[in-house]
C-alpha atoms as a PDB file:
ATOM      1  CA  MET A   1      11.343 -36.394  20.656  1.00  0.00           C
ATOM      2  CA  LYS A   2      13.425 -33.816  18.795  1.00  0.00           C
ATOM      3  CA  ILE A   3      13.038 -32.869  15.135  1.00  0.00           C
ATOM      4  CA  GLU A   4      15.771 -30.712  13.626  1.00  0.00           C
ATOM      5  CA  ILE A   5      14.844 -28.690  10.558  1.00  0.00           C
ATOM      6  CA  SER A   6      17.386 -26.835   8.432  1.00  0.00           C
ATOM      7  CA  TYR A   7      16.085 -23.902   6.415  1.00  0.00           C
ATOM      8  CA  ASP A   8      17.388 -21.264   4.028  1.00  0.00           C
ATOM      9  CA  SER A   9      15.977 -18.038   2.507  1.00  0.00           C
ATOM     10  CA  SER A  10      12.794 -18.147   4.596  1.00  0.00           C
ATOM     11  CA  TRP A  11      10.804 -14.956   3.987  1.00  0.00           C
ATOM     12  CA  ARG A  12      10.051 -13.072   7.194  1.00  0.00           C
ATOM     13  CA  ASN A  13       7.434 -10.665   5.817  1.00  0.00           C
ATOM     14  CA  SER A  14       3.796 -11.008   4.815  1.00  0.00           C
ATOM     15  CA  PHE A  15       2.212  -9.061   1.969  1.00  0.00           C
ATOM     16  CA  LEU A  16      -1.354 -10.331   2.292  1.00  0.00           C
ATOM     17  CA  ASP A  17      -3.885  -9.103   4.831  1.00  0.00           C
ATOM     18  CA  GLY A  18      -5.980 -11.364   7.014  1.00  0.00           C
ATOM     19  CA  SER A  19      -4.794 -14.562   8.668  1.00  0.00           C
ATOM     20  CA  ASN A  20      -4.037 -18.166   7.733  1.00  0.00           C
ATOM     21  CA  ASN A  21      -6.121 -19.140  10.756  1.00  0.00           C
ATOM     22  CA  GLU A  22      -9.284 -17.974   9.013  1.00  0.00           C
ATOM     23  CA  ALA A  23     -11.231 -19.268   6.048  1.00  0.00           C
ATOM     24  CA  LEU A  24     -10.120 -17.750   2.761  1.00  0.00           C
ATOM     25  CA  PRO A  25     -12.460 -14.894   1.679  1.00  0.00           C
ATOM     26  CA  LYS A  26     -14.346 -15.410  -1.598  1.00  0.00           C
ATOM     27  CA  THR A  27     -12.249 -12.708  -3.245  1.00  0.00           C
ATOM     28  CA  GLY A  28      -9.012 -13.965  -1.683  1.00  0.00           C
ATOM     29  CA  ARG A  29      -6.759 -12.178   0.765  1.00  0.00           C
ATOM     30  CA  LYS A  30      -5.946  -8.601  -0.207  1.00  0.00           C
ATOM     31  CA  PHE A  31      -2.475  -7.805  -1.553  1.00  0.00           C
ATOM     32  CA  ILE A  32      -0.894  -5.120   0.654  1.00  0.00           C
ATOM     33  CA  GLY A  33       2.636  -5.262  -0.727  1.00  0.00           C
ATOM     34  CA  SER A  34       2.251  -2.554  -3.376  1.00  0.00           C
ATOM     35  CA  MET A  35       4.411   0.569  -3.216  1.00  0.00           C
ATOM     36  CA  THR A  36       1.353   2.606  -2.231  1.00  0.00           C
ATOM     37  CA  SER A  37       0.220   0.177   0.491  1.00  0.00           C
ATOM     38  CA  LEU A  38       3.708   0.004   1.995  1.00  0.00           C
ATOM     39  CA  LYS A  39       3.620   3.725   2.718  1.00  0.00           C
ATOM     40  CA  LYS A  40       1.383   2.783   5.661  1.00  0.00           C
ATOM     41  CA  PRO A  41       3.453   1.336   8.530  1.00  0.00           C
ATOM     42  CA  GLU A  42       0.819  -1.272   9.402  1.00  0.00           C
ATOM     43  CA  ASN A  43       1.240  -2.888   5.965  1.00  0.00           C
ATOM     44  CA  TYR A  44       4.931  -3.666   6.437  1.00  0.00           C
ATOM     45  CA  ILE A  45       4.297  -6.908   8.328  1.00  0.00           C
ATOM     46  CA  GLN A  46       7.188  -8.820   9.869  1.00  0.00           C
ATOM     47  CA  ARG A  47       6.764 -12.515  10.649  1.00  0.00           C
ATOM     48  CA  ARG A  48       8.614 -14.840  12.989  1.00  0.00           C
ATOM     49  CA  VAL A  49       8.413 -18.590  13.536  1.00  0.00           C
ATOM     50  CA  SER A  50       5.426 -19.144  15.836  1.00  0.00           C
ATOM     51  CA  GLN A  51       3.635 -22.083  17.427  1.00  0.00           C
ATOM     52  CA  ASP A  52       1.254 -22.086  14.462  1.00  0.00           C
ATOM     53  CA  THR A  53       4.231 -22.221  12.079  1.00  0.00           C
ATOM     54  CA  VAL A  54       5.613 -25.251  13.903  1.00  0.00           C
ATOM     55  CA  MET A  55       2.255 -27.056  13.991  1.00  0.00           C
ATOM     56  CA  GLY A  56       1.788 -26.345  10.296  1.00  0.00           C
ATOM     57  CA  VAL A  57       5.199 -27.898   9.595  1.00  0.00           C
ATOM     58  CA  LEU A  58       4.416 -31.003  11.679  1.00  0.00           C
ATOM     59  CA  ASN A  59       1.116 -31.524   9.868  1.00  0.00           C
ATOM     60  CA  ARG A  60       2.850 -31.113   6.524  1.00  0.00           C
ATOM     61  CA  LEU A  61       5.530 -33.649   7.499  1.00  0.00           C
ATOM     62  CA  ILE A  62       2.959 -36.373   8.261  1.00  0.00           C
ATOM     63  CA  GLY A  63       1.230 -35.747   4.921  1.00  0.00           C
ATOM     64  CA  ASP A  64      -1.637 -33.444   5.959  1.00  0.00           C
ATOM     65  CA  GLN A  65      -1.779 -30.697   3.313  1.00  0.00           C
ATOM     66  CA  ARG A  66      -4.824 -28.865   4.650  1.00  0.00           C
ATOM     67  CA  LYS A  67      -4.657 -25.411   6.195  1.00  0.00           C
ATOM     68  CA  LEU A  68      -3.827 -25.645   9.895  1.00  0.00           C
ATOM     69  CA  TYR A  69      -7.196 -24.209  10.974  1.00  0.00           C
ATOM     70  CA  GLN A  70      -8.953 -26.830   8.813  1.00  0.00           C
ATOM     71  CA  SER A  71      -6.994 -29.673  10.417  1.00  0.00           C
ATOM     72  CA  ARG A  72      -7.697 -28.363  13.908  1.00  0.00           C
ATOM     73  CA  GLU A  73     -11.433 -28.299  13.198  1.00  0.00           C
ATOM     74  CA  GLN A  74     -11.541 -32.059  12.558  1.00  0.00           C
ATOM     75  CA  ALA A  75     -12.451 -34.453  15.357  1.00  0.00           C
ATOM     76  CA  ASP A  76      -9.622 -36.810  14.316  1.00  0.00           C
ATOM     77  CA  TYR A  77      -6.946 -34.085  14.303  1.00  0.00           C
ATOM     78  CA  TYR A  78      -3.742 -36.061  14.902  1.00  0.00           C
ATOM     79  CA  PHE A  79      -2.011 -33.503  17.139  1.00  0.00           C
ATOM     80  CA  LYS A  80      -5.112 -32.621  19.153  1.00  0.00           C
ATOM     81  CA  GLU A  81      -3.727 -34.034  22.411  1.00  0.00           C
ATOM     82  CA  ILE A  82      -0.099 -33.328  21.558  1.00  0.00           C
ATOM     83  CA  GLU A  83      -0.030 -29.591  20.737  1.00  0.00           C
ATOM     84  CA  ASN A  84       0.538 -28.550  24.350  1.00  0.00           C
ATOM     85  CA  ALA A  85       3.595 -30.816  24.471  1.00  0.00           C
ATOM     86  CA  VAL A  86       5.239 -29.090  21.493  1.00  0.00           C
ATOM     87  CA  THR A  87       7.940 -26.464  22.063  1.00  0.00           C
ATOM     88  CA  PHE A  88      10.490 -25.055  19.654  1.00  0.00           C
ATOM     89  CA  GLU A  89      13.658 -23.028  19.354  1.00  0.00           C
ATOM     90  CA  ASP A  90      14.341 -20.986  16.228  1.00  0.00           C
ATOM     91  CA  ARG A  91      18.077 -20.467  15.733  1.00  0.00           C
ATOM     92  CA  PRO A  92      18.671 -18.342  12.614  1.00  0.00           C
ATOM     93  CA  SER A  93      22.315 -18.204  11.544  1.00  0.00           C
ATOM     94  CA  TYR A  94      21.584 -15.129   9.435  1.00  0.00           C
ATOM     95  CA  VAL A  95      18.812 -12.604   8.825  1.00  0.00           C
ATOM     96  CA  ASN A  96      19.298 -10.472   5.718  1.00  0.00           C
ATOM     97  CA  GLN A  97      17.318  -7.690   4.123  1.00  0.00           C
ATOM     98  CA  GLU A  98      17.193  -8.209   0.364  1.00  0.00           C
ATOM     99  CA  MET A  99      15.595  -6.350  -2.529  1.00  0.00           C
ATOM    100  CA  THR A 100      12.838  -8.672  -3.726  1.00  0.00           C
ATOM    101  CA  TYR A 101      10.443  -8.218  -6.651  1.00  0.00           C
ATOM    102  CA  ILE A 102       7.033  -9.623  -5.738  1.00  0.00           C
ATOM    103  CA  ARG A 103       4.185 -10.472  -8.083  1.00  0.00           C
ATOM    104  CA  ASN A 104       0.688  -9.058  -7.670  1.00  0.00           C
ATOM    105  CA  ILE A 105      -1.546 -11.466  -9.570  1.00  0.00           C
ATOM    106  CA  SER A 106      -4.650  -9.290  -9.130  1.00  0.00           C
ATOM    107  CA  GLY A 107      -2.898  -6.199 -10.478  1.00  0.00           C
ATOM    108  CA  SER A 108      -3.024  -2.700  -9.055  1.00  0.00           C
ATOM    109  CA  GLU A 109      -3.298   0.675 -10.743  1.00  0.00           C
ATOM    110  CA  ASP A 110      -0.078   2.581 -11.366  1.00  0.00           C
ATOM    111  CA  GLN A 111      -0.422   5.850  -9.463  1.00  0.00           C
ATOM    112  CA  ASN A 112       1.888   7.786 -11.787  1.00  0.00           C
ATOM    113  CA  SER A 113       1.348   6.381 -15.285  1.00  0.00           C
ATOM    114  CA  TYR A 114      -1.259   6.282 -18.023  1.00  0.00           C
ATOM    115  CA  THR A 115      -1.840   4.601 -21.379  1.00  0.00           C
ATOM    116  CA  GLY A 116      -3.032   5.732 -24.801  1.00  0.00           C
ATOM    117  CA  MET A 117      -2.921   9.035 -26.639  1.00  0.00           C
ATOM    118  CA  ILE A 118      -3.301  12.329 -24.768  1.00  0.00           C
ATOM    119  CA  GLN A 119      -6.531  14.136 -25.655  1.00  0.00           C
ATOM    120  CA  VAL A 120      -5.684  17.839 -25.675  1.00  0.00           C
ATOM    121  CA  ASP A 121      -8.967  18.665 -27.422  1.00  0.00           C
ATOM    122  CA  SER A 122     -11.158  17.927 -24.403  1.00  0.00           C
ATOM    123  CA  PRO A 123     -13.709  20.750 -23.774  1.00  0.00           C
ATOM    124  CA  ILE A 124     -12.165  21.495 -20.372  1.00  0.00           C
ATOM    125  CA  PHE A 125      -9.069  22.772 -22.200  1.00  0.00           C
ATOM    126  CA  LEU A 126     -10.782  24.541 -25.138  1.00  0.00           C
ATOM    127  CA  SER A 127     -13.794  26.287 -23.578  1.00  0.00           C
ATOM    128  CA  ASP A 128     -14.296  29.990 -22.810  1.00  0.00           C
ATOM    129  CA  TYR A 129     -13.713  29.346 -19.117  1.00  0.00           C
ATOM    130  CA  SER A 130     -10.499  27.320 -19.579  1.00  0.00           C
ATOM    131  CA  SER A 131      -8.015  30.209 -19.304  1.00  0.00           C
ATOM    132  CA  GLN A 132      -9.451  31.488 -16.031  1.00  0.00           C
ATOM    133  CA  LEU A 133      -9.824  28.003 -14.568  1.00  0.00           C
ATOM    134  CA  TRP A 134      -6.334  26.653 -15.191  1.00  0.00           C
ATOM    135  CA  GLY A 135      -4.662  30.056 -15.088  1.00  0.00           C
ATOM    136  CA  LEU A 136      -4.850  30.205 -11.300  1.00  0.00           C
ATOM    137  CA  LEU A 137      -2.284  27.379 -11.150  1.00  0.00           C
ATOM    138  CA  SER A 138       0.292  29.887 -12.421  1.00  0.00           C
ATOM    139  CA  LEU A 139      -0.399  32.317  -9.558  1.00  0.00           C
ATOM    140  CA  GLU A 140       2.047  32.785  -6.714  1.00  0.00           C
ATOM    141  CA  ILE A 141       0.659  31.923  -3.276  1.00  0.00           C
ATOM    142  CA  GLU A 142       0.137  35.572  -2.293  1.00  0.00           C
ATOM    143  CA  ASP A 143      -1.801  36.238  -5.510  1.00  0.00           C
ATOM    144  CA  LEU A 144      -3.755  33.030  -5.010  1.00  0.00           C
ATOM    145  CA  CYS A 145      -4.814  34.166  -1.537  1.00  0.00           C
ATOM    146  CA  GLU A 146      -6.021  37.484  -2.982  1.00  0.00           C
ATOM    147  CA  PHE A 147      -8.009  35.580  -5.602  1.00  0.00           C
ATOM    148  CA  ILE A 148      -9.648  33.497  -2.867  1.00  0.00           C
ATOM    149  CA  ILE A 149     -10.446  36.371  -0.504  1.00  0.00           C
ATOM    150  CA  GLU A 150     -11.138  39.244  -2.912  1.00  0.00           C
ATOM    151  CA  ASN A 151     -12.514  37.308  -5.908  1.00  0.00           C
ATOM    152  CA  LYS A 152      -9.959  38.847  -8.256  1.00  0.00           C
ATOM    153  CA  THR A 153     -10.119  37.955 -11.940  1.00  0.00           C
ATOM    154  CA  VAL A 154      -7.413  35.539 -13.060  1.00  0.00           C
ATOM    155  CA  THR A 155      -5.396  36.955 -15.959  1.00  0.00           C
ATOM    156  CA  SER A 156      -2.336  34.725 -15.660  1.00  0.00           C
ATOM    157  CA  LYS A 157      -2.193  31.915 -18.178  1.00  0.00           C
ATOM    158  CA  ILE A 158      -0.907  28.379 -18.418  1.00  0.00           C
ATOM    159  CA  GLU A 159      -0.875  26.130 -21.475  1.00  0.00           C
ATOM    160  CA  HIS A 160      -4.136  24.169 -21.687  1.00  0.00           C
ATOM    161  CA  ASN A 161      -2.520  20.781 -21.935  1.00  0.00           C
ATOM    162  CA  PRO A 162      -3.101  17.928 -19.472  1.00  0.00           C
ATOM    163  CA  LEU A 163       0.627  17.170 -19.250  1.00  0.00           C
ATOM    164  CA  VAL A 164       1.520  20.797 -18.526  1.00  0.00           C
ATOM    165  CA  ILE A 165      -1.229  21.047 -15.913  1.00  0.00           C
ATOM    166  CA  MET A 166      -0.205  17.782 -14.253  1.00  0.00           C
ATOM    167  CA  ASN A 167       3.450  18.844 -14.186  1.00  0.00           C
ATOM    168  CA  ARG A 168       2.429  22.124 -12.566  1.00  0.00           C
ATOM    169  CA  LEU A 169       0.400  20.287  -9.909  1.00  0.00           C
ATOM    170  CA  GLU A 170       3.383  18.035  -9.216  1.00  0.00           C
ATOM    171  CA  ASP A 171       5.589  21.119  -8.780  1.00  0.00           C
ATOM    172  CA  ILE A 172       3.081  22.639  -6.344  1.00  0.00           C
ATOM    173  CA  PHE A 173       2.940  19.353  -4.425  1.00  0.00           C
ATOM    174  CA  LYS A 174       6.666  19.777  -3.692  1.00  0.00           C
ATOM    175  CA  TYR A 175       6.132  23.186  -2.058  1.00  0.00           C
ATOM    176  CA  LYS A 176       6.954  23.167   1.634  1.00  0.00           C
ATOM    177  CA  PRO A 177       4.126  23.788   4.146  1.00  0.00           C
ATOM    178  CA  ILE A 178       3.770  27.445   5.121  1.00  0.00           C
ATOM    179  CA  PRO A 179       2.767  29.208   8.365  1.00  0.00           C
ATOM    180  CA  ASN A 180      -0.958  29.698   8.877  1.00  0.00           C
ATOM    181  CA  GLU A 181      -0.926  33.466   9.253  1.00  0.00           C
ATOM    182  CA  GLY A 182      -1.856  36.703   7.463  1.00  0.00           C
ATOM    183  CA  LYS A 183      -3.508  36.374   4.048  1.00  0.00           C
ATOM    184  CA  VAL A 184      -2.815  32.658   4.019  1.00  0.00           C
ATOM    185  CA  ASN A 185      -4.867  32.250   7.190  1.00  0.00           C
ATOM    186  CA  ASP A 186      -7.684  34.361   5.713  1.00  0.00           C
ATOM    187  CA  ALA A 187      -7.697  32.164   2.601  1.00  0.00           C
ATOM    188  CA  PHE A 188      -7.620  29.026   4.751  1.00  0.00           C
ATOM    189  CA  ILE A 189     -10.627  30.154   6.803  1.00  0.00           C
ATOM    190  CA  TYR A 190     -12.528  31.111   3.647  1.00  0.00           C
ATOM    191  CA  LEU A 191     -11.960  27.725   1.997  1.00  0.00           C
ATOM    192  CA  GLN A 192     -12.923  25.953   5.218  1.00  0.00           C
ATOM    193  CA  SER A 193     -16.242  27.758   5.181  1.00  0.00           C
ATOM    194  CA  LYS A 194     -16.832  26.852   1.517  1.00  0.00           C
ATOM    195  CA  PHE A 195     -15.774  23.205   1.408  1.00  0.00           C
ATOM    196  CA  GLU A 196     -16.544  20.677   4.117  1.00  0.00           C
ATOM    197  CA  LYS A 197     -13.904  18.249   2.799  1.00  0.00           C
ATOM    198  CA  TYR A 198     -11.120  20.836   2.804  1.00  0.00           C
ATOM    199  CA  LYS A 199      -8.487  20.118   5.471  1.00  0.00           C
ATOM    200  CA  GLY A 200      -5.510  22.080   4.209  1.00  0.00           C
ATOM    201  CA  ILE A 201      -3.111  21.647   7.147  1.00  0.00           C
ATOM    202  CA  ASN A 202      -0.638  19.052   8.354  1.00  0.00           C
ATOM    203  CA  ASN A 203      -0.170  17.746  11.900  1.00  0.00           C
ATOM    204  CA  LYS A 204       2.025  20.756  12.692  1.00  0.00           C
ATOM    205  CA  GLU A 205      -0.820  23.142  11.817  1.00  0.00           C
ATOM    206  CA  LEU A 206       1.039  24.381   8.716  1.00  0.00           C
ATOM    207  CA  ILE A 207      -0.794  25.133   5.475  1.00  0.00           C
ATOM    208  CA  LEU A 208      -0.339  22.664   2.613  1.00  0.00           C
ATOM    209  CA  PRO A 209       0.011  24.649  -0.647  1.00  0.00           C
ATOM    210  CA  ILE A 210      -1.290  21.792  -2.818  1.00  0.00           C
ATOM    211  CA  SER A 211      -4.580  21.770  -0.885  1.00  0.00           C
ATOM    212  CA  LEU A 212      -4.822  25.540  -1.257  1.00  0.00           C
ATOM    213  CA  TYR A 213      -4.462  25.354  -5.051  1.00  0.00           C
ATOM    214  CA  CYS A 214      -6.727  22.328  -5.532  1.00  0.00           C
ATOM    215  CA  SER A 215      -9.574  23.833  -3.497  1.00  0.00           C
ATOM    216  CA  SER A 216      -9.071  27.089  -5.400  1.00  0.00           C
ATOM    217  CA  LEU A 217      -9.823  25.214  -8.625  1.00  0.00           C
ATOM    218  CA  TYR A 218     -13.175  24.170  -7.161  1.00  0.00           C
ATOM    219  CA  LEU A 219     -13.795  27.716  -5.964  1.00  0.00           C
ATOM    220  CA  GLN A 220     -13.005  29.103  -9.415  1.00  0.00           C
ATOM    221  CA  LEU A 221     -15.246  26.519 -11.068  1.00  0.00           C
ATOM    222  CA  GLU A 222     -18.104  27.638  -8.824  1.00  0.00           C
ATOM    223  CA  ARG A 223     -17.503  31.319  -9.592  1.00  0.00           C
ATOM    224  CA  LEU A 224     -17.191  30.733 -13.336  1.00  0.00           C
ATOM    225  CA  SER A 225     -20.477  28.816 -13.390  1.00  0.00           C
ATOM    226  CA  SER A 226     -22.318  32.146 -13.089  1.00  0.00           C
ATOM    227  CA  GLN A 227     -20.806  33.277 -16.427  1.00  0.00           C
ATOM    228  CA  PHE A 228     -20.205  30.069 -18.374  1.00  0.00           C
ATOM    229  CA  ASP A 229     -21.545  26.571 -18.818  1.00  0.00           C
ATOM    230  CA  VAL A 230     -18.879  24.592 -16.953  1.00  0.00           C
ATOM    231  CA  SER A 231     -20.626  21.217 -17.108  1.00  0.00           C
ATOM    232  CA  SER A 232     -17.943  19.920 -19.497  1.00  0.00           C
ATOM    233  CA  ALA A 233     -15.371  20.349 -16.710  1.00  0.00           C
ATOM    234  CA  ARG A 234     -17.213  18.222 -14.178  1.00  0.00           C
ATOM    235  CA  THR A 235     -17.309  14.466 -13.785  1.00  0.00           C
ATOM    236  CA  LYS A 236     -20.575  12.594 -13.198  1.00  0.00           C
ATOM    237  CA  ALA A 237     -19.968  13.043  -9.469  1.00  0.00           C
ATOM    238  CA  GLY A 238     -19.685  16.797  -9.953  1.00  0.00           C
ATOM    239  CA  GLY A 239     -15.954  17.194  -9.305  1.00  0.00           C
ATOM    240  CA  LEU A 240     -12.754  17.607 -11.295  1.00  0.00           C
ATOM    241  CA  SER A 241     -11.272  14.334 -12.475  1.00  0.00           C
ATOM    242  CA  GLY A 242      -8.321  13.287 -10.328  1.00  0.00           C
ATOM    243  CA  ILE A 243      -8.447  16.464  -8.224  1.00  0.00           C
ATOM    244  CA  SER A 244      -9.966  16.726  -4.747  1.00  0.00           C
ATOM    245  CA  ASN A 245     -10.132  19.579  -2.254  1.00  0.00           C
ATOM    246  CA  ASN A 246      -6.891  18.387  -0.700  1.00  0.00           C
ATOM    247  CA  GLY A 247      -4.757  17.040  -3.520  1.00  0.00           C
ATOM    248  CA  PHE A 248      -4.641  15.161  -6.795  1.00  0.00           C
ATOM    249  CA  THR A 249      -3.987  11.703  -8.227  1.00  0.00           C
ATOM    250  CA  LYS A 250      -2.104  11.572 -11.495  1.00  0.00           C
ATOM    251  CA  LYS A 251      -3.634   8.313 -12.741  1.00  0.00           C
ATOM    252  CA  ASP A 252      -7.208   9.539 -12.195  1.00  0.00           C
ATOM    253  CA  PHE A 253      -6.524  12.921 -13.794  1.00  0.00           C
ATOM    254  CA  MET A 254      -4.853  11.463 -16.891  1.00  0.00           C
ATOM    255  CA  SER A 255      -7.356   8.615 -17.323  1.00  0.00           C
ATOM    256  CA  ARG A 256     -10.021  11.149 -18.313  1.00  0.00           C
ATOM    257  CA  TYR A 257      -7.802  12.816 -20.904  1.00  0.00           C
ATOM    258  CA  THR A 258      -6.166   9.792 -22.533  1.00  0.00           C
ATOM    259  CA  SER A 259      -7.541   7.194 -24.930  1.00  0.00           C
ATOM    260  CA  GLY A 260      -6.321   4.181 -22.945  1.00  0.00           C
ATOM    261  CA  ALA A 261      -7.303   2.547 -19.680  1.00  0.00           C
ATOM    262  CA  LYS A 262      -5.513   3.021 -16.373  1.00  0.00           C
ATOM    263  CA  LYS A 263      -2.142   1.304 -16.395  1.00  0.00           C
ATOM    264  CA  LYS A 264      -1.900  -1.900 -14.369  1.00  0.00           C
ATOM    265  CA  ILE A 265       1.078  -2.993 -12.296  1.00  0.00           C
ATOM    266  CA  TRP A 266       1.628  -6.742 -11.882  1.00  0.00           C
ATOM    267  CA  GLY A 267       4.431  -6.544  -9.364  1.00  0.00           C
ATOM    268  CA  ASN A 268       6.880  -4.252  -7.622  1.00  0.00           C
ATOM    269  CA  PRO A 269       9.964  -4.222  -5.387  1.00  0.00           C
ATOM    270  CA  TYR A 270       9.103  -4.917  -1.753  1.00  0.00           C
ATOM    271  CA  VAL A 271      10.493  -1.799  -0.095  1.00  0.00           C
ATOM    272  CA  ARG A 272       9.266   0.657   2.524  1.00  0.00           C
ATOM    273  CA  LYS A 273      10.868   4.046   3.117  1.00  0.00           C
ATOM    274  CA  GLU A 274      10.148   6.237   6.123  1.00  0.00           C
ATOM    275  CA  ARG A 275      11.710   9.201   7.854  1.00  0.00           C
ATOM    276  CA  ILE A 276      12.482   8.746  11.544  1.00  0.00           C
ATOM    277  CA  LYS A 277      13.259  11.769  13.670  1.00  0.00           C
ATOM    278  CA  GLY A 278      16.885  11.830  14.728  1.00  0.00           C
ATOM    279  CA  ILE A 279      17.831   9.093  12.264  1.00  0.00           C
ATOM    280  CA  GLY A 280      16.724  10.243   8.825  1.00  0.00           C
ATOM    281  CA  GLU A 281      15.397   8.092   6.009  1.00  0.00           C
ATOM    282  CA  VAL A 282      15.195   4.388   6.810  1.00  0.00           C
ATOM    283  CA  THR A 283      14.694   1.774   4.092  1.00  0.00           C
ATOM    284  CA  SER A 284      13.136  -1.588   4.995  1.00  0.00           C
ATOM    285  CA  LEU A 285      13.334  -4.493   2.553  1.00  0.00           C
ATOM    286  CA  MET A 286      12.244  -8.130   2.514  1.00  0.00           C
ATOM    287  CA  GLU A 287      13.787 -10.065   5.418  1.00  0.00           C
ATOM    288  CA  LYS A 288      15.156 -13.505   4.600  1.00  0.00           C
ATOM    289  CA  ALA A 289      16.557 -15.880   7.192  1.00  0.00           C
ATOM    290  CA  GLY A 290      18.383 -19.188   7.311  1.00  0.00           C
ATOM    291  CA  GLY A 291      19.321 -21.479  10.169  1.00  0.00           C
ATOM    292  CA  MET A 292      17.984 -24.297  12.292  1.00  0.00           C
ATOM    293  CA  LEU A 293      14.551 -24.887  13.827  1.00  0.00           C
ATOM    294  CA  ASN A 294      14.527 -27.358  16.703  1.00  0.00           C
ATOM    295  CA  ILE A 295      11.124 -28.858  17.543  1.00  0.00           C
ATOM    296  CA  ASN A 296      10.782 -30.674  20.861  1.00  0.00           C
ATOM    297  CA  ILE A 297       7.769 -32.882  21.613  1.00  0.00           C
ATOM    298  CA  ASN A 298       7.392 -34.168  25.177  1.00  0.00           C
ATOM    299  CA  ILE A 299       5.598 -37.471  24.496  1.00  0.00           C
ATOM    300  CA  THR A 300       6.023 -41.195  25.136  1.00  0.00           C
ATOM    301  CA  ARG A 301       8.462 -43.231  23.081  1.00  0.00           C
ATOM    302  CA  GLU A 302       5.577 -45.123  21.439  1.00  0.00           C
ATOM    303  CA  GLN A 303       3.998 -41.849  20.296  1.00  0.00           C
ATOM    304  CA  ALA A 304       7.371 -40.607  19.035  1.00  0.00           C
ATOM    305  CA  ILE A 305       7.896 -43.773  17.000  1.00  0.00           C
ATOM    306  CA  ASP A 306       4.422 -43.372  15.479  1.00  0.00           C
ATOM    307  CA  ILE A 307       5.148 -39.758  14.434  1.00  0.00           C
ATOM    308  CA  LYS A 308       8.535 -40.780  12.994  1.00  0.00           C
ATOM    309  CA  GLU A 309       6.912 -43.553  10.946  1.00  0.00           C
ATOM    310  CA  LYS A 310       4.262 -41.178   9.620  1.00  0.00           C
ATOM    311  CA  ILE A 311       6.960 -38.679   8.601  1.00  0.00           C
ATOM    312  CA  GLU A 312       8.940 -41.393   6.798  1.00  0.00           C
ATOM    313  CA  ASN A 313       5.824 -42.758   5.073  1.00  0.00           C
ATOM    314  CA  ALA A 314       4.746 -39.294   3.881  1.00  0.00           C
ATOM    315  CA  GLY A 315       8.180 -38.793   2.310  1.00  0.00           C
ATOM    316  CA  VAL A 316       8.133 -35.000   2.307  1.00  0.00           C
ATOM    317  CA  SER A 317      11.613 -34.115   1.078  1.00  0.00           C
ATOM    318  CA  SER A 318      11.437 -30.308   1.272  1.00  0.00           C
ATOM    319  CA  PHE A 319       8.895 -27.637   2.118  1.00  0.00           C
ATOM    320  CA  TYR A 320       8.435 -23.939   2.891  1.00  0.00           C
ATOM    321  CA  LEU A 321       9.094 -22.630   6.377  1.00  0.00           C
ATOM    322  CA  GLY A 322       6.542 -19.848   6.624  1.00  0.00           C
ATOM    323  CA  LYS A 323       6.724 -18.089   3.271  1.00  0.00           C
ATOM    324  CA  LYS A 324       9.000 -19.331   0.473  1.00  0.00           C
ATOM    325  CA  GLY A 325      12.554 -20.513   1.077  1.00  0.00           C
ATOM    326  CA  LEU A 326      13.689 -24.111   1.409  1.00  0.00           C
ATOM    327  CA  ALA A 327      13.395 -26.319   4.506  1.00  0.00           C
ATOM    328  CA  TYR A 328      14.005 -30.000   5.176  1.00  0.00           C
ATOM    329  CA  VAL A 329      14.284 -32.415   8.104  1.00  0.00           C
ATOM    330  CA  SER A 330      17.964 -32.867   8.911  1.00  0.00           C
ATOM    331  CA  ASN A 331      17.586 -35.135  11.934  1.00  0.00           C
ATOM    332  CA  ILE A 332      15.020 -36.911  14.113  1.00  0.00           C
ATOM    333  CA  ARG A 333      15.943 -38.104  17.585  1.00  0.00           C
ATOM    334  CA  LEU A 334      13.737 -40.168  19.877  1.00  0.00           C
END
């Protein structure tokens, strides 16, 4: 028996974790198609037509709308003795990469936005310690290293405004990694001894300036605590909002100093960008394919007639092949 299925615009990526062969978790399968999640290579998941795909299609065609794993668990599973006789050939006539906007019904937090009015009158910006705390962000790296090692007083100033401070942190984040030598190495060793969570280097053993500055803020906060009451600067967990020993997160920093809640994102373009040595920047989009799927079932003529009758009685005119797209039975041959 041969069943020919024509399909168009079949999505060849998955943006949910877990598997269709498992029971659905109480909270649902996690959305891993956000811009942040797609930065991790394991979250850009490519799919191809598999044996499970084919069996799911066959069950759908005879009117069984349960998940494939649910059908297989039943004692009266129709294809129980037939699965091993099923083979297939996927013959896509095209495979395109297209920019696709996908919905995230659970919503995720925008990493770079905030809502509400900016609260510039927060104590962390108006206290006696504020100038010396935020002022170190205006230091050059050499001066910063001297501050770390020699405990020099910070006299440089920066405007005590959350937007100005965040913009400065974003500028520092763009600094290129620097060699771990001289005063920089001394500062690195000092911060390592002070903060267990401080990493400060990349996989090439180069110093990350943003980590140097962020840990320096914690160091300065500790030093200033001997002269001032700095409790207004700390969160309930004891840290600086949105700032860790190794970096910062804009949404977490601004959420403390704005009147609104964190901004939600309900969808985004499905795109992954990565740099590959010797090639440069590579952009991967949603793959969509169209073509013909040929399903061959090595069974008796009587069994083939029974399957054909069930397909005709179910009357399934069109369906998804994998994720989205349009598929339909174009021919059945016994």
